[in-house]
């Protein structure tokens, strides 16, 4: 898969909604900031809500509408761009459908039931305070409401920080900012209105466009294979990061299953895709950026390795260059670096 396509798809479905800004805040430290983060987590995962927010990235701004419904164990979500292209993201259960009217394309993929677009905040242990510091809890007025401001600061150059304005009354995040290590804002979400209805009808989760004539692409999360797959691992990782998931995927534009590794520090995450190099396509190598998402691609043992994540560029480069095959390519297991 081309690096620009891979980065664009990931950014459209994740950063387009600025989801990580809403999820990226949960460490075990000061009691009061932790309590507000827990309240926000509970509100985001258990309540129905309908809101409009502005997503600002650099000098570009986009207005979006979000609809989130919880019925028992079933979660439905819809994100709709109110500007320009009219892109939509609709999740029902473990299926996410992404509509791109400007490309006349629909992408359908499976998502883990425990990984919704606006799911629970990560559960982070005491050791993670070594890479993040949490501060705040002070009151501040925003949009005519009283909020609590909580800031999450990175302790090194391998991750971004967050600032959140949490409504005292509803515990919903009215404003979130993604910041670099110096505190400069990279991206921002600001709600202009938000409601918490008791009931949301099914009709609100129907796409507003007729996509019957669009090109439909399907990315299956798990791929069955009779061959023994190569086992890819990262020999070293940035401080605080660990492997969270390993699977095979069938991605649009790739004729063979692609190895997919996910690394996380409990807040930030990096996806690594490994696919056999196509001899008729020049390899893509080096860095790329879309908004706050960084990517780095390199060649390893005849395979293209691409790391993508909402982290600084040096983080994806670090991880991509440490990914090696320890089984399945005729290689002996490589020792782990200390």
Protein backbone atom coordinates (compact mmCIF):
# COMPACT_ATOMS: atom_id res chain seq x y z
CA UNK A 1 0.00 0.00 0.00
CA UNK A 2 1.31 3.47 -0.83
CA UNK A 3 2.51 5.41 2.19
CA UNK A 4 0.42 8.47 1.37
CA UNK A 5 -2.73 6.34 0.99
CA UNK A 6 -2.08 4.46 4.22
CA UNK A 7 -1.46 7.68 6.14
CA UNK A 8 -4.48 9.38 4.59
CA UNK A 9 -6.85 6.50 5.40
CA UNK A 10 -5.64 6.33 8.98
CA UNK A 11 -5.85 10.07 9.40
CA UNK A 12 -9.32 10.34 7.87
CA UNK A 13 -10.86 7.72 10.10
CA UNK A 14 -9.05 8.70 13.29
CA UNK A 15 -7.75 12.21 13.24
CA UNK A 16 -10.55 13.52 11.05
CA UNK A 17 -12.68 13.07 14.16
CA UNK A 18 -9.84 14.07 16.47
CA UNK A 19 -10.71 11.00 18.50
CA UNK A 20 -7.40 10.64 20.21
CA UNK A 21 -7.83 14.11 21.65
CA UNK A 22 -10.92 12.85 23.45
CA UNK A 23 -9.31 9.61 24.54
CA UNK A 24 -5.84 10.79 25.46
CA UNK A 25 -6.14 11.53 29.16
CA UNK A 26 -5.83 8.95 31.89
CA UNK A 27 -3.05 8.41 34.42
CA UNK A 28 -2.96 7.46 38.08
CA UNK A 29 -1.65 10.52 39.86
CA UNK A 30 -3.27 13.48 41.68
CA UNK A 31 -6.68 12.58 43.09
CA UNK A 32 -8.71 15.51 41.80
CA UNK A 33 -7.48 15.52 38.17
CA UNK A 34 -7.84 11.75 38.10
CA UNK A 35 -11.41 12.03 39.38
CA UNK A 36 -12.34 14.46 36.59
CA UNK A 37 -10.79 12.22 33.97
CA UNK A 38 -12.74 9.25 35.33
CA UNK A 39 -15.96 11.28 35.20
CA UNK A 40 -15.22 12.26 31.61
CA UNK A 41 -14.52 8.65 30.70
CA UNK A 42 -17.82 7.56 32.23
CA UNK A 43 -19.75 10.28 30.37
CA UNK A 44 -18.13 9.52 27.00
CA UNK A 45 -18.77 5.79 27.22
CA UNK A 46 -22.19 5.54 28.90
CA UNK A 47 -24.18 8.56 27.75
CA UNK A 48 -26.05 9.48 24.62
CA UNK A 49 -24.82 12.75 23.18
CA UNK A 50 -25.25 14.87 20.07
CA UNK A 51 -22.95 17.79 19.47
CA UNK A 52 -21.24 20.08 16.98
CA UNK A 53 -17.56 20.89 17.29
CA UNK A 54 -14.83 22.64 15.34
CA UNK A 55 -11.62 20.77 14.63
CA UNK A 56 -8.67 23.14 14.10
CA UNK A 57 -5.39 21.91 12.66
CA UNK A 58 -2.85 24.58 11.78
CA UNK A 59 -4.62 27.21 9.68
CA UNK A 60 -7.41 24.80 8.68
CA UNK A 61 -10.71 24.41 10.52
CA UNK A 62 -13.55 21.95 9.97
CA UNK A 63 -16.97 21.75 11.62
CA UNK A 64 -18.32 18.31 12.45
CA UNK A 65 -21.38 16.79 14.04
CA UNK A 66 -21.11 13.78 16.33
CA UNK A 67 -23.92 11.43 17.38
CA UNK A 68 -23.23 8.79 20.02
CA UNK A 69 -25.77 6.28 21.37
CA UNK A 70 -25.51 3.53 23.97
CA UNK A 71 -28.22 0.85 24.25
CA UNK A 72 -27.14 -1.87 26.66
CA UNK A 73 -23.90 -3.25 25.26
CA UNK A 74 -24.51 -1.82 21.79
CA UNK A 75 -22.77 1.40 20.76
CA UNK A 76 -23.59 3.36 17.61
CA UNK A 77 -21.69 6.41 16.44
CA UNK A 78 -21.81 8.80 13.51
CA UNK A 79 -19.44 11.62 12.55
CA UNK A 80 -20.39 13.99 9.76
CA UNK A 81 -18.37 16.80 8.23
CA UNK A 82 -20.55 19.88 7.88
CA UNK A 83 -18.01 21.59 5.62
CA UNK A 84 -16.76 20.83 2.14
CA UNK A 85 -16.60 17.13 1.27
CA UNK A 86 -19.37 15.87 3.59
CA UNK A 87 -17.37 12.84 4.72
CA UNK A 88 -19.09 10.54 7.20
CA UNK A 89 -18.01 7.81 9.62
CA UNK A 90 -20.68 5.43 10.94
CA UNK A 91 -20.00 2.65 13.43
CA UNK A 92 -22.51 -0.04 14.29
CA UNK A 93 -21.15 -2.66 16.66
CA UNK A 94 -17.76 -3.79 15.35
CA UNK A 95 -18.22 -2.44 11.81
CA UNK A 96 -17.00 1.01 10.80
CA UNK A 97 -18.14 2.46 7.46
CA UNK A 98 -16.28 5.50 6.10
CA UNK A 99 -17.96 7.53 3.33
CA UNK A 100 -15.78 9.79 1.16
CA UNK A 101 -18.05 11.64 -1.31
CA UNK A 102 -15.10 13.62 -2.73
CA UNK A 103 -13.49 10.28 -3.73
CA UNK A 104 -16.79 8.50 -4.43
CA UNK A 105 -15.45 5.73 -2.20
CA UNK A 106 -16.68 3.81 0.84
CA UNK A 107 -14.26 1.97 3.15
CA UNK A 108 -15.66 -0.73 5.45
CA UNK A 109 -13.55 -2.27 8.17
CA UNK A 110 -13.96 -4.37 11.28
CA UNK A 111 -13.07 -2.91 14.64
CA UNK A 112 -12.55 -4.73 17.89
CA UNK A 113 -15.67 -4.58 20.12
CA UNK A 114 -13.47 -3.13 22.88
CA UNK A 115 -12.13 -0.38 20.63
CA UNK A 116 -15.00 2.03 19.82
CA UNK A 117 -14.39 5.45 18.32
CA UNK A 118 -15.12 7.06 21.67
CA UNK A 119 -14.32 4.19 23.97
CA UNK A 120 -13.07 3.98 27.52
CA UNK A 121 -9.94 5.80 28.56
CA UNK A 122 -6.88 3.55 28.88
CA UNK A 123 -6.17 1.93 32.21
CA UNK A 124 -2.69 3.10 33.14
CA UNK A 125 -0.51 1.87 35.98
CA UNK A 126 1.70 3.80 38.35
CA UNK A 127 4.79 3.20 36.22
CA UNK A 128 3.32 5.34 33.44
CA UNK A 129 3.78 8.46 35.54
CA UNK A 130 7.40 8.18 34.42
CA UNK A 131 6.44 9.33 30.91
CA UNK A 132 3.46 11.63 31.64
CA UNK A 133 2.71 14.21 34.31
CA UNK A 134 -0.84 15.25 35.09
CA UNK A 135 -1.72 18.68 36.42
CA UNK A 136 -4.76 20.86 36.91
CA UNK A 137 -8.28 20.66 38.22
CA UNK A 138 -8.76 24.44 38.32
CA UNK A 139 -12.08 26.01 37.34
CA UNK A 140 -12.43 28.05 34.15
CA UNK A 141 -15.48 29.45 32.34
CA UNK A 142 -16.01 28.26 28.77
CA UNK A 143 -19.08 28.60 26.54
CA UNK A 144 -21.03 29.94 29.53
CA UNK A 145 -20.25 26.81 31.56
CA UNK A 146 -17.90 26.06 34.44
CA UNK A 147 -15.17 23.61 33.46
CA UNK A 148 -12.24 21.87 35.13
CA UNK A 149 -8.97 22.16 33.21
CA UNK A 150 -6.72 19.10 33.23
CA UNK A 151 -3.32 18.99 31.50
CA UNK A 152 -1.28 15.94 30.61
CA UNK A 153 2.39 16.74 29.95
CA UNK A 154 4.91 14.40 28.28
CA UNK A 155 8.16 13.86 30.17
CA UNK A 156 10.19 13.20 27.00
CA UNK A 157 10.23 13.87 23.26
CA UNK A 158 8.45 10.64 22.22
CA UNK A 159 4.84 11.70 22.84
CA UNK A 160 2.49 14.68 22.75
CA UNK A 161 0.58 16.27 25.62
CA UNK A 162 -3.09 17.15 26.13
CA UNK A 163 -5.19 19.87 27.74
CA UNK A 164 -8.87 19.25 28.45
CA UNK A 165 -11.72 21.51 29.60
CA UNK A 166 -14.25 19.20 31.31
CA UNK A 167 -17.76 20.51 31.97
CA UNK A 168 -18.59 20.34 35.69
CA UNK A 169 -22.27 19.65 35.05
CA UNK A 170 -22.09 16.99 32.33
CA UNK A 171 -18.46 15.78 32.62
CA UNK A 172 -18.16 16.11 28.85
CA UNK A 173 -14.97 17.54 27.32
CA UNK A 174 -15.99 20.92 25.85
CA UNK A 175 -12.50 21.69 24.56
CA UNK A 176 -9.40 19.56 23.99
CA UNK A 177 -5.95 20.47 22.74
CA UNK A 178 -3.10 18.33 21.49
CA UNK A 179 0.24 19.96 22.35
CA UNK A 180 3.90 19.41 21.62
CA UNK A 181 6.53 19.18 24.34
CA UNK A 182 6.89 22.97 24.49
CA UNK A 183 3.14 23.41 24.99
CA UNK A 184 2.37 24.70 21.49
CA UNK A 185 -1.09 23.63 20.27
CA UNK A 186 -0.98 21.22 17.32
CA UNK A 187 -4.69 20.47 17.06
CA UNK A 188 -7.82 21.60 18.90
CA UNK A 189 -11.47 20.57 19.31
CA UNK A 190 -14.01 23.08 20.54
CA UNK A 191 -17.69 22.19 20.97
CA UNK A 192 -20.18 24.91 20.08
CA UNK A 193 -23.12 22.91 21.46
CA UNK A 194 -23.75 19.52 23.00
CA UNK A 195 -26.95 17.78 24.14
CA UNK A 196 -27.50 14.59 26.14
CA UNK A 197 -30.82 13.17 24.88
CA UNK A 198 -32.38 10.18 26.56
CA UNK A 199 -33.24 8.59 23.22
CA UNK A 200 -31.67 8.78 19.75
CA UNK A 201 -33.62 7.18 16.85
CA UNK A 202 -32.06 4.80 14.32
CA UNK A 203 -32.69 7.33 11.56
CA UNK A 204 -29.91 9.55 12.91
CA UNK A 205 -27.36 6.87 11.97
CA UNK A 206 -28.25 6.76 8.28
CA UNK A 207 -25.78 8.35 5.82
CA UNK A 208 -27.04 11.49 4.15
CA UNK A 209 -25.69 10.44 0.74
CA UNK A 210 -26.61 7.70 -1.73
CA UNK A 211 -23.42 5.63 -2.06
CA UNK A 212 -24.89 2.88 -4.24
CA UNK A 213 -22.71 3.93 -7.20
CA UNK A 214 -19.52 4.45 -5.14
CA UNK A 215 -16.51 2.16 -5.12
CA UNK A 216 -16.68 -0.01 -1.98
CA UNK A 217 -13.49 -1.25 -0.31
CA UNK A 218 -13.44 -3.72 2.53
CA UNK A 219 -10.55 -4.16 4.97
CA UNK A 220 -10.90 -7.35 6.98
CA UNK A 221 -9.28 -7.24 10.39
CA UNK A 222 -8.27 -10.90 10.69
CA UNK A 223 -7.05 -12.99 7.77
CA UNK A 224 -6.91 -16.77 7.81
CA UNK A 225 -3.78 -18.30 6.31
CA UNK A 226 -2.53 -21.88 5.85
CA UNK A 227 1.08 -20.72 5.67
CA UNK A 228 3.22 -20.09 8.73
CA UNK A 229 3.32 -16.30 8.98
CA UNK A 230 6.42 -14.32 9.76
CA UNK A 231 6.54 -13.10 13.32
CA UNK A 232 7.42 -9.42 13.40
CA UNK A 233 8.53 -7.69 16.57
CA UNK A 234 10.20 -4.47 17.68
CA UNK A 235 13.62 -5.16 19.16
CA UNK A 236 13.56 -1.90 21.13
CA UNK A 237 10.83 0.64 21.88
CA UNK A 238 10.74 4.24 23.16
CA UNK A 239 10.38 4.52 26.96
CA UNK A 240 6.93 3.51 28.20
CA UNK A 241 5.76 1.87 24.94
CA UNK A 242 4.73 -1.79 24.78
CA UNK A 243 3.05 -4.09 22.25
CA UNK A 244 -0.74 -4.04 22.57
CA UNK A 245 -1.84 -6.15 19.60
CA UNK A 246 -0.57 -8.25 16.70
CA UNK A 247 -2.76 -9.39 13.81
CA UNK A 248 -2.97 -9.81 10.05
CA UNK A 249 -5.16 -7.59 7.89
CA UNK A 250 -6.38 -7.38 4.35
CA UNK A 251 -6.05 -3.76 3.32
CA UNK A 252 -7.30 -2.01 0.16
CA UNK A 253 -4.51 -1.88 -2.41
CA UNK A 254 -2.67 -4.90 -0.98
CA UNK A 255 -3.06 -8.33 -2.58
CA UNK A 256 -1.57 -10.19 0.40
CA UNK A 257 -2.26 -10.07 4.13
CA UNK A 258 -0.41 -7.29 5.91
CA UNK A 259 1.07 -7.79 9.37
CA UNK A 260 -0.32 -5.20 11.79
CA UNK A 261 1.37 -4.40 15.11
CA UNK A 262 0.07 -1.88 17.63
CA UNK A 263 2.30 -0.29 20.26
CA UNK A 264 1.05 2.00 23.03
CA UNK A 265 2.19 3.81 26.14
CA UNK A 266 -1.39 3.67 27.46
CA UNK A 267 -2.35 6.97 25.82
CA UNK A 268 -0.49 7.41 22.54
CA UNK A 269 -0.46 4.54 20.03
CA UNK A 270 1.54 3.62 16.94
CA UNK A 271 0.39 1.19 14.24
CA UNK A 272 3.01 -0.68 12.22
CA UNK A 273 2.12 -2.29 8.88
CA UNK A 274 4.48 -4.83 7.29
CA UNK A 275 3.94 -6.02 3.73
CA UNK A 276 6.04 -7.81 1.13
CA UNK A 277 7.65 -5.41 -1.30
CA UNK A 278 6.05 -5.30 -4.74
CA UNK A 279 8.81 -5.62 -7.33
CA UNK A 280 6.96 -3.43 -9.84
CA UNK A 281 6.45 -0.58 -7.34
CA UNK A 282 9.32 1.59 -6.07
CA UNK A 283 9.66 1.28 -2.29
CA UNK A 284 8.52 4.21 -0.22
CA UNK A 285 10.96 5.26 2.43
CA UNK A 286 11.29 8.18 4.80
CA UNK A 287 8.92 10.40 6.80
CA UNK A 288 5.45 11.77 6.03
CA UNK A 289 2.94 13.93 7.93
CA UNK A 290 -0.84 14.53 7.88
CA UNK A 291 -1.88 16.94 10.61
CA UNK A 292 -0.65 15.56 13.93
CA UNK A 293 -0.20 12.04 12.50
CA UNK A 294 3.35 11.07 11.65
CA UNK A 295 4.55 8.18 9.49
CA UNK A 296 7.89 6.63 8.64
CA UNK A 297 8.51 3.90 6.08
CA UNK A 298 11.59 1.75 5.56
CA UNK A 299 12.62 -1.56 3.97
CA UNK A 300 13.41 -4.58 6.17
CA UNK A 301 14.26 -8.04 4.74
CA UNK A 302 12.39 -7.36 1.49
CA UNK A 303 9.33 -5.98 3.30
CA UNK A 304 8.06 -2.44 3.57
CA UNK A 305 7.59 -1.43 7.20
CA UNK A 306 5.44 1.64 7.86
CA UNK A 307 4.81 3.08 11.32
CA UNK A 308 1.92 5.53 11.74
CA UNK A 309 0.74 7.33 14.85
CA UNK A 310 -0.34 10.54 16.49
CA UNK A 311 3.11 11.00 17.96
CA UNK A 312 6.22 13.07 17.11
CA UNK A 313 8.10 12.03 13.93
CA UNK A 314 11.08 10.66 15.87
CA UNK A 315 8.79 8.15 17.62
CA UNK A 316 7.52 6.45 14.45
CA UNK A 317 11.05 6.45 12.99
CA UNK A 318 12.41 4.84 16.17
CA UNK A 319 9.80 2.07 16.09
CA UNK A 320 9.87 1.42 12.32
CA UNK A 321 13.64 0.97 12.27
CA UNK A 322 13.47 -1.50 15.17
CA UNK A 323 10.91 -3.88 13.60
CA UNK A 324 12.44 -7.22 12.61
CA UNK A 325 11.18 -10.68 11.62
CA UNK A 326 12.03 -13.28 14.25
CA UNK A 327 10.27 -16.22 12.57
CA UNK A 328 9.09 -17.24 9.12
CA UNK A 329 11.83 -15.68 6.95
CA UNK A 330 14.51 -18.24 7.74
CA UNK A 331 15.84 -16.05 10.52
CA UNK A 332 16.93 -17.03 14.00
CA UNK A 333 15.18 -15.16 16.81
CA UNK A 334 16.93 -11.87 17.36
CA UNK A 335 18.01 -11.02 20.91
CA UNK A 336 16.21 -8.17 22.61
CA UNK A 337 18.24 -5.09 23.33
CA UNK A 338 18.39 -3.93 26.91
